[in-house]
N, C-alpha and C. Protein backbone atom coordinates (compact mmCIF):
# COMPACT_ATOMS: atom_id res chain seq x y z
N MET A 1 0.87 -1.24 -0.16
CA MET A 1 -0.11 0.24 -0.36
C MET A 1 0.95 1.30 0.10
N ASP A 2 2.09 1.35 0.71
CA ASP A 2 2.92 2.49 0.83
C ASP A 2 3.42 2.83 -0.51
N ARG A 3 3.73 1.59 -1.33
CA ARG A 3 4.32 1.97 -2.66
C ARG A 3 3.13 2.79 -3.35
N PHE A 4 1.93 2.26 -3.51
CA PHE A 4 0.92 3.01 -4.05
C PHE A 4 0.85 4.22 -3.85
N ARG A 5 0.57 4.77 -2.68
CA ARG A 5 0.87 5.84 -2.13
C ARG A 5 1.73 6.99 -2.43
N GLN A 6 3.05 6.03 -2.52
CA GLN A 6 4.24 7.14 -3.25
C GLN A 6 4.10 7.27 -5.07
N PHE A 7 3.67 6.24 -5.33
CA PHE A 7 3.69 6.40 -6.81
C PHE A 7 2.17 7.45 -6.93
N GLY A 8 1.45 7.39 -6.25
CA GLY A 8 0.44 8.61 -6.24
C GLY A 8 0.86 10.01 -6.11
N LEU A 9 1.53 10.36 -5.03
CA LEU A 9 2.31 11.52 -4.31
C LEU A 9 2.90 11.89 -5.72
N GLN A 10 4.21 10.82 -6.67
CA GLN A 10 4.59 10.94 -7.37
C GLN A 10 4.18 11.61 -8.62
N VAL A 11 3.09 10.76 -9.21
CA VAL A 11 2.23 11.65 -10.25
C VAL A 11 1.79 12.62 -10.31
N GLN A 12 1.09 13.19 -8.69
CA GLN A 12 0.76 14.14 -8.17
C GLN A 12 1.56 15.68 -8.50
N ARG A 13 2.90 15.45 -8.19
CA ARG A 13 3.95 16.16 -8.01
C ARG A 13 4.18 16.67 -9.54
N MET A 14 4.70 15.67 -10.42
CA MET A 14 4.56 15.63 -12.04
C MET A 14 3.25 16.52 -12.49
N MET A 15 2.18 16.04 -11.86
CA MET A 15 1.13 17.20 -12.92
C MET A 15 1.22 18.73 -12.29
N ALA A 16 1.51 18.89 -11.02
CA ALA A 16 1.69 20.20 -10.50
C ALA A 16 2.73 20.79 -11.22
N GLN A 17 3.86 20.04 -11.65
CA GLN A 17 4.75 20.54 -12.23
C GLN A 17 4.54 20.91 -13.67
N ALA A 18 3.74 19.96 -14.25
CA ALA A 18 3.61 20.11 -15.79
C ALA A 18 2.27 21.26 -16.08
N LEU A 19 1.84 21.33 -15.05
CA LEU A 19 0.46 22.62 -14.65
C LEU A 19 1.13 23.98 -14.04
N TYR A 20 1.95 24.13 -14.10
CA TYR A 20 2.44 25.60 -13.44
C TYR A 20 2.81 26.47 -14.50
N GLY A 21 2.07 27.39 -14.22
CA GLY A 21 1.87 28.77 -14.75
C GLY A 21 0.68 28.50 -16.07
N ARG A 22 -0.01 27.60 -15.78
CA ARG A 22 -1.15 27.04 -16.85
C ARG A 22 -2.58 27.36 -16.15
N ASN A 23 -3.51 27.16 -17.31
CA ASN A 23 -5.09 27.72 -16.75
C ASN A 23 -5.69 26.26 -15.60
N GLY A 24 -5.18 25.27 -16.02
CA GLY A 24 -5.62 23.99 -15.18
C GLY A 24 -6.91 24.28 -15.41
N PHE A 25 -7.52 22.78 -14.68
CA PHE A 25 -8.80 22.39 -15.09
C PHE A 25 -9.62 23.41 -14.47
N ASP A 26 -10.79 23.85 -15.16
CA ASP A 26 -11.61 24.71 -14.55
C ASP A 26 -13.24 24.25 -14.93
N ASP A 27 -14.14 24.78 -14.96
CA ASP A 27 -15.49 24.50 -15.26
C ASP A 27 -15.56 24.32 -16.58
N LEU A 28 -15.47 25.15 -17.49
CA LEU A 28 -15.17 24.47 -18.85
C LEU A 28 -14.73 23.48 -19.71
N ALA A 29 -13.15 23.19 -18.96
CA ALA A 29 -12.56 22.16 -19.28
C ALA A 29 -13.30 20.78 -18.64
N ARG A 30 -13.90 21.01 -17.47
CA ARG A 30 -14.42 19.39 -16.87
C ARG A 30 -15.46 19.28 -17.51
N THR A 31 -15.95 20.43 -18.11
CA THR A 31 -17.44 19.47 -18.88
C THR A 31 -17.40 19.44 -20.17
N CYS A 32 -16.33 20.07 -20.97
CA CYS A 32 -15.61 19.11 -22.28
C CYS A 32 -15.03 17.85 -22.10
N ASN A 33 -14.51 17.60 -20.92
CA ASN A 33 -14.16 16.48 -20.58
C ASN A 33 -15.36 15.16 -20.48
N VAL A 34 -16.09 15.87 -19.60
CA VAL A 34 -17.27 14.69 -19.07
C VAL A 34 -18.02 14.65 -20.55
N LEU A 35 -18.62 15.50 -21.62
CA LEU A 35 -19.06 15.41 -22.66
C LEU A 35 -18.17 14.12 -23.73
N ALA A 36 -16.94 14.62 -23.61
CA ALA A 36 -15.88 13.87 -24.61
C ALA A 36 -16.00 12.13 -24.18
N ILE A 37 -16.50 12.31 -22.48
CA ILE A 37 -16.33 10.75 -22.35
C ILE A 37 -17.46 10.21 -22.77
N LEU A 38 -18.92 11.07 -22.38
CA LEU A 38 -20.12 10.38 -22.90
C LEU A 38 -20.24 10.03 -24.47
N LEU A 39 -19.84 11.16 -25.03
CA LEU A 39 -19.46 10.94 -26.67
C LEU A 39 -19.09 9.46 -26.82
N ILE A 40 -17.38 9.53 -26.08
CA ILE A 40 -16.77 8.28 -26.71
C ILE A 40 -17.67 6.84 -26.09
N VAL A 41 -18.52 6.92 -25.07
CA VAL A 41 -18.98 5.48 -24.64
C VAL A 41 -20.12 5.37 -25.65
N VAL A 42 -20.67 6.38 -25.92
CA VAL A 42 -22.11 6.34 -27.32
C VAL A 42 -21.62 5.64 -28.09
N ASN A 43 -20.38 6.38 -28.76
CA ASN A 43 -19.46 5.76 -30.26
C ASN A 43 -18.97 4.43 -30.01
N ILE A 44 -19.09 3.75 -28.80
CA ILE A 44 -18.22 2.21 -28.91
C ILE A 44 -19.79 1.48 -29.33
N PHE A 45 -20.63 1.98 -29.40
CA PHE A 45 -22.27 1.47 -29.73
C PHE A 45 -22.60 1.97 -31.05
N ALA A 46 -22.40 3.42 -30.98
CA ALA A 46 -22.74 3.91 -32.33
C ALA A 46 -21.60 3.88 -33.51
N GLN A 47 -20.43 3.68 -33.23
CA GLN A 47 -19.65 3.43 -34.43
C GLN A 47 -19.93 4.82 -35.65
N SER A 48 -19.97 5.68 -34.83
CA SER A 48 -19.95 7.04 -35.88
C SER A 48 -18.83 7.99 -36.12
N THR A 49 -18.55 8.30 -37.52
CA THR A 49 -17.41 8.74 -37.52
C THR A 49 -17.65 10.75 -36.98
N VAL A 50 -18.84 11.12 -36.89
CA VAL A 50 -18.96 12.42 -36.82
C VAL A 50 -19.03 12.31 -35.43
N ILE A 51 -19.39 11.09 -34.21
CA ILE A 51 -19.14 11.85 -33.02
C ILE A 51 -18.06 11.57 -32.41
N TYR A 52 -17.09 10.80 -33.20
CA TYR A 52 -15.56 10.57 -32.82
C TYR A 52 -15.13 11.81 -33.43
N ILE A 53 -15.38 12.54 -34.40
CA ILE A 53 -14.62 13.79 -34.97
C ILE A 53 -15.23 14.71 -33.52
N ILE A 54 -16.32 14.97 -33.05
CA ILE A 54 -17.00 15.63 -32.06
C ILE A 54 -16.48 15.55 -31.09
N TRP A 55 -16.07 14.11 -30.51
CA TRP A 55 -15.40 13.69 -29.00
C TRP A 55 -13.88 14.27 -29.69
N ALA A 56 -13.23 14.05 -30.65
CA ALA A 56 -11.62 14.72 -30.61
C ALA A 56 -11.80 16.33 -30.44
N VAL A 57 -12.68 17.02 -31.01
CA VAL A 57 -12.39 18.17 -30.93
C VAL A 57 -12.80 18.94 -29.61
N LEU A 58 -14.22 18.13 -28.88
CA LEU A 58 -13.95 18.65 -27.32
C LEU A 58 -12.58 18.03 -26.68
N PHE A 59 -12.25 17.15 -27.15
CA PHE A 59 -10.91 16.76 -26.08
C PHE A 59 -9.84 17.33 -26.06
N LEU A 60 -9.43 17.85 -27.60
CA LEU A 60 -8.54 19.01 -27.65
C LEU A 60 -8.66 20.14 -27.47
N TYR A 61 -10.29 20.18 -27.43
CA TYR A 61 -10.25 22.11 -27.14
C TYR A 61 -9.99 21.84 -25.24
N SER A 62 -10.41 20.71 -24.53
CA SER A 62 -10.08 20.78 -23.04
C SER A 62 -8.64 21.15 -23.23
N LEU A 63 -7.79 19.82 -23.76
CA LEU A 63 -6.59 20.33 -23.39
C LEU A 63 -5.95 21.37 -23.85
N PHE A 64 -6.53 22.07 -24.98
CA PHE A 64 -5.68 23.40 -25.11
C PHE A 64 -6.12 23.98 -24.00
N ARG A 65 -7.32 24.65 -23.38
CA ARG A 65 -7.86 25.29 -22.03
C ARG A 65 -6.84 24.40 -20.85
N ILE A 66 -6.44 23.32 -20.96
CA ILE A 66 -5.92 23.28 -19.36
C ILE A 66 -4.26 23.65 -19.36
N TYR A 67 -3.48 23.62 -20.63
CA TYR A 67 -2.53 23.87 -20.72
C TYR A 67 -2.01 25.42 -21.14
N SER A 68 -3.10 26.03 -21.43
CA SER A 68 -3.11 27.53 -21.89
C SER A 68 -2.50 28.21 -20.95
N ARG A 69 -1.47 29.15 -21.20
CA ARG A 69 -0.45 29.83 -20.44
C ARG A 69 -1.55 31.52 -20.42
N ASN A 70 -2.51 31.48 -21.08
CA ASN A 70 -3.34 32.93 -21.55
C ASN A 70 -4.10 33.04 -20.29
N ILE A 71 -4.14 32.76 -18.96
CA ILE A 71 -4.84 32.61 -17.86
C ILE A 71 -6.04 33.66 -18.15
N SER A 72 -5.76 34.94 -18.28
CA SER A 72 -6.94 35.86 -18.07
C SER A 72 -8.17 35.53 -19.43
N LYS A 73 -7.26 35.46 -20.31
CA LYS A 73 -8.28 35.36 -21.65
C LYS A 73 -9.16 33.88 -21.09
N ARG A 74 -8.74 32.74 -20.85
CA ARG A 74 -9.42 31.71 -20.31
C ARG A 74 -10.50 31.71 -19.21
N TYR A 75 -10.02 32.23 -18.33
CA TYR A 75 -10.86 33.15 -17.26
C TYR A 75 -12.27 33.61 -17.79
N ALA A 76 -11.87 34.74 -18.59
CA ALA A 76 -12.82 35.26 -19.36
C ALA A 76 -14.16 34.12 -19.73
N GLU A 77 -13.79 33.07 -20.98
CA GLU A 77 -14.17 32.48 -21.34
C GLU A 77 -14.99 31.64 -20.37
N ASN A 78 -14.33 30.78 -19.00
CA ASN A 78 -14.98 30.37 -18.51
C ASN A 78 -16.03 30.97 -17.51
N GLN A 79 -15.86 32.40 -17.39
CA GLN A 79 -16.88 33.34 -16.77
C GLN A 79 -17.95 33.25 -17.40
N LYS A 80 -17.65 33.44 -18.80
CA LYS A 80 -19.20 33.34 -19.76
C LYS A 80 -19.57 32.26 -19.37
N PHE A 81 -19.21 31.19 -20.13
CA PHE A 81 -19.79 29.89 -19.97
C PHE A 81 -20.44 29.40 -18.60
N LEU A 82 -20.10 29.75 -17.26
CA LEU A 82 -20.69 29.74 -16.04
C LEU A 82 -22.15 30.90 -15.65
N ALA A 83 -22.09 31.76 -16.90
CA ALA A 83 -23.41 32.79 -16.47
C ALA A 83 -24.24 32.45 -17.74
N VAL A 84 -23.69 32.02 -18.54
CA VAL A 84 -25.21 31.22 -19.85
C VAL A 84 -25.40 29.80 -18.83
N THR A 85 -24.75 28.76 -18.29
CA THR A 85 -25.26 27.79 -17.85
C THR A 85 -25.52 28.04 -16.30
N GLU A 86 -25.98 29.30 -16.11
CA GLU A 86 -26.00 29.33 -14.36
C GLU A 86 -27.89 28.68 -13.91
N ALA A 87 -28.65 28.92 -15.28
CA ALA A 87 -30.01 28.76 -14.58
C ALA A 87 -30.14 27.20 -14.68
N PRO A 88 -29.66 26.13 -15.65
CA PRO A 88 -29.70 24.78 -15.12
C PRO A 88 -28.47 24.15 -13.93
N ARG A 89 -27.82 25.13 -14.11
CA ARG A 89 -27.05 24.40 -12.66
C ARG A 89 -27.47 24.44 -11.57
N ARG A 90 -28.29 25.73 -11.14
CA ARG A 90 -29.13 26.00 -10.24
C ARG A 90 -29.98 25.15 -10.13
N TYR A 91 -31.00 24.75 -11.47
CA TYR A 91 -32.09 23.80 -11.15
C TYR A 91 -31.40 22.37 -10.93
N LEU A 92 -30.40 22.01 -11.12
CA LEU A 92 -29.65 20.52 -11.43
C LEU A 92 -29.53 20.45 -9.37
N LYS A 93 -28.70 21.59 -8.79
CA LYS A 93 -28.52 21.68 -7.55
C LYS A 93 -29.69 21.92 -7.01
N LEU A 94 -30.73 22.32 -7.18
CA LEU A 94 -32.17 22.19 -6.52
C LEU A 94 -32.29 20.70 -6.69
N LEU A 95 -32.57 19.85 -7.61
CA LEU A 95 -32.78 18.49 -7.97
C LEU A 95 -32.31 17.79 -6.97
N LYS A 96 -30.47 17.65 -6.64
CA LYS A 96 -29.90 17.44 -5.83
C LYS A 96 -30.31 17.49 -4.16
N LEU A 97 -30.60 19.03 -4.10
CA LEU A 97 -30.94 19.38 -2.91
C LEU A 97 -32.52 17.95 -2.60
N GLN A 98 -33.28 18.39 -3.50
CA GLN A 98 -34.60 17.30 -3.25
C GLN A 98 -34.49 15.99 -2.91
N TRP A 99 -33.85 15.63 -3.46
CA TRP A 99 -33.28 14.09 -3.35
C TRP A 99 -32.17 14.03 -2.15
N ARG A 100 -31.71 14.78 -2.13
CA ARG A 100 -31.11 14.37 -0.64
C ARG A 100 -31.76 14.43 0.67
N ASP A 101 -32.90 15.41 0.79
CA ASP A 101 -33.89 16.00 1.69
C ASP A 101 -35.18 15.31 1.46
N ARG A 102 -35.32 14.09 0.43
CA ARG A 102 -37.04 13.66 -0.02
C ARG A 102 -37.91 13.37 1.31
N GLU A 103 -37.10 13.05 2.24
CA GLU A 103 -37.89 12.43 3.21
C GLU A 103 -38.47 13.30 4.31
N TYR A 104 -37.62 14.52 4.50
CA TYR A 104 -38.18 15.53 5.43
C TYR A 104 -38.59 16.78 5.03
N SER A 105 -38.45 17.12 3.95
CA SER A 105 -38.44 18.60 3.60
C SER A 105 -38.91 18.42 2.20
N ARG A 106 -39.52 19.80 1.83
CA ARG A 106 -39.73 20.04 -0.19
C ARG A 106 -39.11 21.27 -0.37
N TYR A 107 -38.95 21.63 -1.30
CA TYR A 107 -38.25 22.89 -1.87
C TYR A 107 -39.52 23.52 -2.81
N TYR A 108 -39.31 24.49 -2.43
CA TYR A 108 -40.49 25.58 -3.41
C TYR A 108 -39.59 27.05 -4.00
N ILE A 109 -39.70 27.13 -5.21
CA ILE A 109 -39.11 28.34 -5.76
C ILE A 109 -40.20 29.94 -5.52
N CYS A 110 -39.44 30.75 -4.92
CA CYS A 110 -40.48 31.74 -4.61
C CYS A 110 -40.92 32.66 -6.18
N PRO A 111 -42.11 32.99 -6.26
CA PRO A 111 -43.10 33.17 -7.87
C PRO A 111 -42.41 34.74 -8.11
N LYS A 112 -42.30 35.16 -7.18
CA LYS A 112 -41.59 36.60 -7.12
C LYS A 112 -39.83 37.08 -7.79
N CYS A 113 -39.27 36.11 -6.17
CA CYS A 113 -37.44 36.94 -6.58
C CYS A 113 -37.12 35.31 -6.60
N LYS A 114 -37.29 34.52 -7.28
CA LYS A 114 -36.72 33.18 -7.39
C LYS A 114 -35.83 32.35 -5.90
N GLN A 115 -36.03 32.95 -5.24
CA GLN A 115 -35.68 32.30 -4.06
C GLN A 115 -35.93 31.03 -3.87
N GLN A 116 -34.98 30.27 -3.40
CA GLN A 116 -35.32 28.67 -3.13
C GLN A 116 -35.66 28.66 -1.62
N ILE A 117 -36.94 28.18 -1.23
CA ILE A 117 -37.09 27.84 -0.09
C ILE A 117 -37.58 26.17 0.63
N ARG A 118 -37.00 25.90 1.71
CA ARG A 118 -37.41 24.49 2.16
C ARG A 118 -38.18 24.73 2.95
N VAL A 119 -39.18 23.72 3.05
CA VAL A 119 -40.34 23.84 4.17
C VAL A 119 -40.19 22.22 4.39
N PRO A 120 -41.05 21.58 6.04
CA PRO A 120 -40.92 20.56 6.45
C PRO A 120 -41.87 20.11 5.90
N LYS A 121 -41.87 18.71 5.70
CA LYS A 121 -43.05 17.48 4.71
C LYS A 121 -43.78 17.41 5.67
N GLY A 122 -44.92 16.93 5.03
CA GLY A 122 -46.20 16.57 5.82
C GLY A 122 -47.10 17.17 6.45
N LYS A 123 -46.69 18.70 6.35
CA LYS A 123 -47.96 19.80 7.24
C LYS A 123 -49.13 19.89 6.61
N GLY A 124 -49.29 19.35 5.71
CA GLY A 124 -50.23 19.80 4.75
C GLY A 124 -50.42 20.54 3.70
N ARG A 125 -51.61 21.61 3.54
CA ARG A 125 -51.70 23.02 2.80
C ARG A 125 -51.24 23.51 3.49
N ILE A 126 -50.16 24.59 3.21
CA ILE A 126 -49.41 25.62 4.27
C ILE A 126 -49.38 26.92 3.25
N GLU A 127 -49.30 28.32 3.97
CA GLU A 127 -48.91 29.55 3.35
C GLU A 127 -47.22 29.42 3.60
N ILE A 128 -46.69 29.52 2.83
CA ILE A 128 -45.16 29.92 2.95
C ILE A 128 -44.79 31.64 2.22
N ARG A 129 -43.89 31.99 3.21
CA ARG A 129 -43.63 33.29 3.19
C ARG A 129 -42.31 33.42 3.03
N CYS A 130 -41.84 33.84 1.95
CA CYS A 130 -40.39 33.88 0.98
C CYS A 130 -39.60 35.17 2.06
N PRO A 131 -38.64 34.51 2.60
CA PRO A 131 -37.75 35.48 3.41
C PRO A 131 -36.92 36.51 3.19
N LYS A 132 -36.60 36.30 1.71
CA LYS A 132 -36.18 37.40 0.80
C LYS A 132 -37.02 38.45 0.31
N CYS A 133 -38.49 38.91 0.28
CA CYS A 133 -39.47 39.36 -0.26
C CYS A 133 -40.70 39.37 0.14
N SER A 134 -40.76 38.75 0.91
CA SER A 134 -41.44 38.33 2.07
C SER A 134 -43.39 38.21 1.10
N GLU A 135 -43.02 37.68 0.08
CA GLU A 135 -44.33 37.14 -0.89
C GLU A 135 -44.67 35.93 -0.17
N ARG A 136 -46.19 36.10 -0.21
CA ARG A 136 -46.83 34.89 0.28
C ARG A 136 -47.77 33.92 -1.03
N PHE A 137 -47.37 32.46 -0.82
CA PHE A 137 -47.83 31.98 -1.57
C PHE A 137 -48.26 30.59 -0.71
N THR A 138 -49.12 29.59 -1.19
CA THR A 138 -49.73 28.44 -0.78
C THR A 138 -49.34 27.20 -1.62
N LYS A 139 -48.88 26.10 -0.61
CA LYS A 139 -48.48 25.25 -1.18
C LYS A 139 -48.57 23.86 -0.68
N LYS A 140 -48.97 22.66 -1.08
CA LYS A 140 -49.22 21.37 0.00
C LYS A 140 -47.56 20.91 0.15
N THR A 141 -47.53 20.46 1.21
CA THR A 141 -46.36 19.97 1.73
C THR A 141 -46.66 18.55 1.71
């Protein structure tokens, strides 16, 4: 086990040296990598040249982003990506919270200010007051 730990630390040190002064793994690069992995898995079954080309482009773009030395430009691109994908990421986070707390809580979104509100489950029909904007709405828990 000690050899595996030493090997892991050595690989980690080598990666840190290779990425010194570079952009590294940001959200856009991670997303490109995940999409590339999904596409290569789909391509195992589909055997499509188009999917393979899209995979290669995504993977190469991800590597370009990771090893780029123009950090300010990559940062700006990543911020634009995060701004565009903010709504889907917020929705996925809400789904994750709902799944985690499914036994004890319900989550609702305020219709006025879009604030996320957690209320206890099993209380029947209740009036919910948004803590941010004081909007009142009725929901069944």
